[in-house]
Amino acid sequence: MKTLKYSRQREFIKTSLMGRQDHPTADALYTAIRKQCPTISLGTVYRNLNLLVELGEIQKISCGGGTDHFDYNTSPHYHFVCKRCGQIADIPMKTICNLEAMAGQYVSGRIDGHTICFYGVCGECEEGKKGNDEIAGR
């Protein structure tokens, strides 16, 4: 495997993502990083996020809606997606260890991994605690 040249901008991206629990989009991460690194471009953020996913250093979460979210935690775990506000949260439960082997019995080929997203309405949306701007993602 080719050695990757150090990139200050990539380090900003990784450090910013590491300190978050909200599974941000590339746009949200870009907005946060611009405060520390004003010269970074949105394209650089997208390219580096995709590179970090390819290297297995971060996880891309595609749970529908067309917008990818990113997670620094690459260990096997499940996510909850709020259908109203779009918030993604980790579910702190044990993963099913042999799920891929179980699914493999029904697939012609090889299963290399899986992601599981549960959908519903988060407690804040259910209780009406989020304002209209938060629900609309603004």
Protein backbone atom coordinates (compact mmCIF):
# COMPACT_ATOMS: atom_id res chain seq x y z
CA MET A 1 0.00 0.00 0.00
CA LYS A 2 1.23 3.46 -0.89
CA THR A 3 2.37 5.71 1.97
CA LEU A 4 0.13 8.73 2.36
CA LYS A 5 1.78 12.14 2.52
CA TYR A 6 0.93 14.15 5.65
CA SER A 7 -1.76 16.77 5.15
CA ARG A 8 -2.52 19.49 7.70
CA GLN A 9 -5.99 19.85 6.25
CA ARG A 10 -6.65 16.09 6.59
CA GLU A 11 -5.55 16.32 10.23
CA PHE A 12 -8.03 19.17 10.83
CA ILE A 13 -10.77 16.99 9.33
CA LYS A 14 -9.88 13.93 11.43
CA THR A 15 -9.50 15.96 14.65
CA SER A 16 -12.77 17.76 14.09
CA LEU A 17 -14.63 14.53 13.36
CA MET A 18 -13.03 12.77 16.34
CA GLY A 19 -14.43 15.38 18.72
CA ARG A 20 -18.02 15.03 17.52
CA GLN A 21 -20.83 12.66 18.40
CA ASP A 22 -23.38 14.03 15.94
CA HIS A 23 -22.31 12.20 12.74
CA PRO A 24 -21.92 15.37 10.65
CA THR A 25 -22.32 15.77 6.91
CA ALA A 26 -19.37 16.97 4.84
CA ASP A 27 -20.98 20.43 4.70
CA ALA A 28 -21.36 20.64 8.49
CA LEU A 29 -17.78 19.51 8.98
CA TYR A 30 -16.58 22.05 6.41
CA THR A 31 -18.37 24.86 8.27
CA ALA A 32 -16.74 23.83 11.56
CA ILE A 33 -13.26 23.39 10.08
CA ARG A 34 -13.31 26.77 8.28
CA LYS A 35 -13.09 28.48 11.67
CA GLN A 36 -9.63 26.93 12.25
CA CYS A 37 -8.51 26.57 8.65
CA PRO A 38 -10.12 29.39 6.59
CA THR A 39 -8.34 28.41 3.36
CA ILE A 40 -9.79 24.90 3.18
CA SER A 41 -12.27 24.26 0.37
CA LEU A 42 -15.41 22.15 0.43
CA GLY A 43 -13.90 19.99 -2.32
CA THR A 44 -10.87 19.29 -0.12
CA VAL A 45 -13.15 18.22 2.72
CA TYR A 46 -15.11 15.86 0.44
CA ARG A 47 -11.95 14.37 -1.12
CA ASN A 48 -10.30 13.79 2.26
CA LEU A 49 -13.42 12.33 3.84
CA ASN A 50 -13.73 9.85 0.98
CA LEU A 51 -10.02 9.01 1.24
CA LEU A 52 -10.32 8.44 5.00
CA VAL A 53 -13.31 6.15 4.37
CA GLU A 54 -11.28 4.18 1.78
CA LEU A 55 -8.42 3.85 4.28
CA GLY A 56 -10.85 2.59 6.95
CA GLU A 57 -10.04 5.46 9.32
CA ILE A 58 -13.61 6.77 9.41
CA GLN A 59 -17.05 5.42 8.51
CA LYS A 60 -19.52 6.78 5.96
CA ILE A 61 -23.16 6.45 6.98
CA SER A 62 -25.65 6.40 4.11
CA CYS A 63 -29.06 5.92 5.67
CA GLY A 64 -31.19 7.34 2.90
CA GLY A 65 -32.12 10.92 2.18
CA GLY A 66 -29.19 11.32 -0.22
CA THR A 67 -26.81 12.94 2.28
CA ASP A 68 -23.87 10.99 3.67
CA HIS A 69 -22.84 11.41 7.28
CA PHE A 70 -19.46 10.54 8.78
CA ASP A 71 -18.44 8.79 11.98
CA TYR A 72 -14.97 8.55 13.55
CA ASN A 73 -16.01 5.35 15.33
CA THR A 74 -15.22 2.51 12.93
CA SER A 75 -16.00 -0.31 15.35
CA PRO A 76 -19.16 -2.31 14.60
CA HIS A 77 -22.19 -0.48 15.99
CA TYR A 78 -25.73 0.49 15.03
CA HIS A 79 -27.33 3.87 14.39
CA PHE A 80 -30.70 5.49 15.02
CA VAL A 81 -31.95 8.02 12.44
CA CYS A 82 -34.69 10.50 13.31
CA LYS A 83 -37.12 10.76 10.39
CA ARG A 84 -38.11 14.30 11.40
CA CYS A 85 -34.85 16.15 12.12
CA GLY A 86 -32.37 13.77 10.46
CA GLN A 87 -30.21 13.41 13.57
CA ILE A 88 -28.10 10.23 13.66
CA ALA A 89 -27.11 8.73 16.99
CA ASP A 90 -25.15 5.66 18.02
CA ILE A 91 -27.16 2.90 19.67
CA PRO A 92 -25.11 1.57 22.60
CA MET A 93 -26.12 -2.06 22.29
CA LYS A 94 -24.14 -5.20 21.59
CA THR A 95 -23.87 -6.06 17.91
CA ILE A 96 -24.98 -9.44 16.64
CA CYS A 97 -21.63 -11.19 16.16
CA ASN A 98 -22.59 -13.74 13.55
CA LEU A 99 -25.06 -11.63 11.56
CA GLU A 100 -22.90 -11.61 8.43
CA ALA A 101 -22.48 -15.40 8.57
CA MET A 102 -26.24 -15.79 9.03
CA ALA A 103 -26.97 -13.53 6.05
CA GLY A 104 -24.28 -15.28 4.01
CA GLN A 105 -26.41 -18.42 3.96
CA TYR A 106 -28.85 -16.58 1.70
CA VAL A 107 -26.35 -14.85 -0.59
CA SER A 108 -24.43 -16.21 -3.53
CA GLY A 109 -21.04 -14.59 -3.05
CA ARG A 110 -19.20 -13.05 -0.11
CA ILE A 111 -20.40 -10.56 2.49
CA ASP A 112 -17.64 -8.15 3.56
CA GLY A 113 -19.54 -6.06 6.08
CA HIS A 114 -22.84 -4.48 6.98
CA THR A 115 -24.43 -1.36 8.41
CA ILE A 116 -27.69 -1.15 10.26
CA CYS A 117 -29.75 1.98 10.73
CA PHE A 118 -32.93 2.03 12.79
CA TYR A 119 -35.49 4.72 11.90
CA GLY A 120 -38.00 6.52 14.06
CA VAL A 121 -38.57 9.85 15.80
CA CYS A 122 -36.07 11.07 18.39
CA GLY A 123 -37.23 12.01 21.88
CA GLU A 124 -36.74 15.74 21.30
CA CYS A 125 -38.89 15.72 18.15
CA GLU A 126 -41.48 13.50 19.78
CA GLU A 127 -41.80 15.89 22.71
CA GLY A 128 -41.80 18.94 20.44
CA LYS A 129 -38.61 20.32 22.02
CA LYS A 130 -36.92 21.08 18.69
CA GLY A 131 -37.83 24.27 16.90
CA ASN A 132 -38.94 24.35 13.27
CA ASP A 133 -35.47 25.52 12.15
CA GLU A 134 -33.81 22.51 13.79
CA ILE A 135 -36.30 20.06 12.29
CA ALA A 136 -35.81 21.54 8.83
CA GLY A 137 -32.04 21.13 9.26
CA ARG A 138 -31.32 24.84 9.16
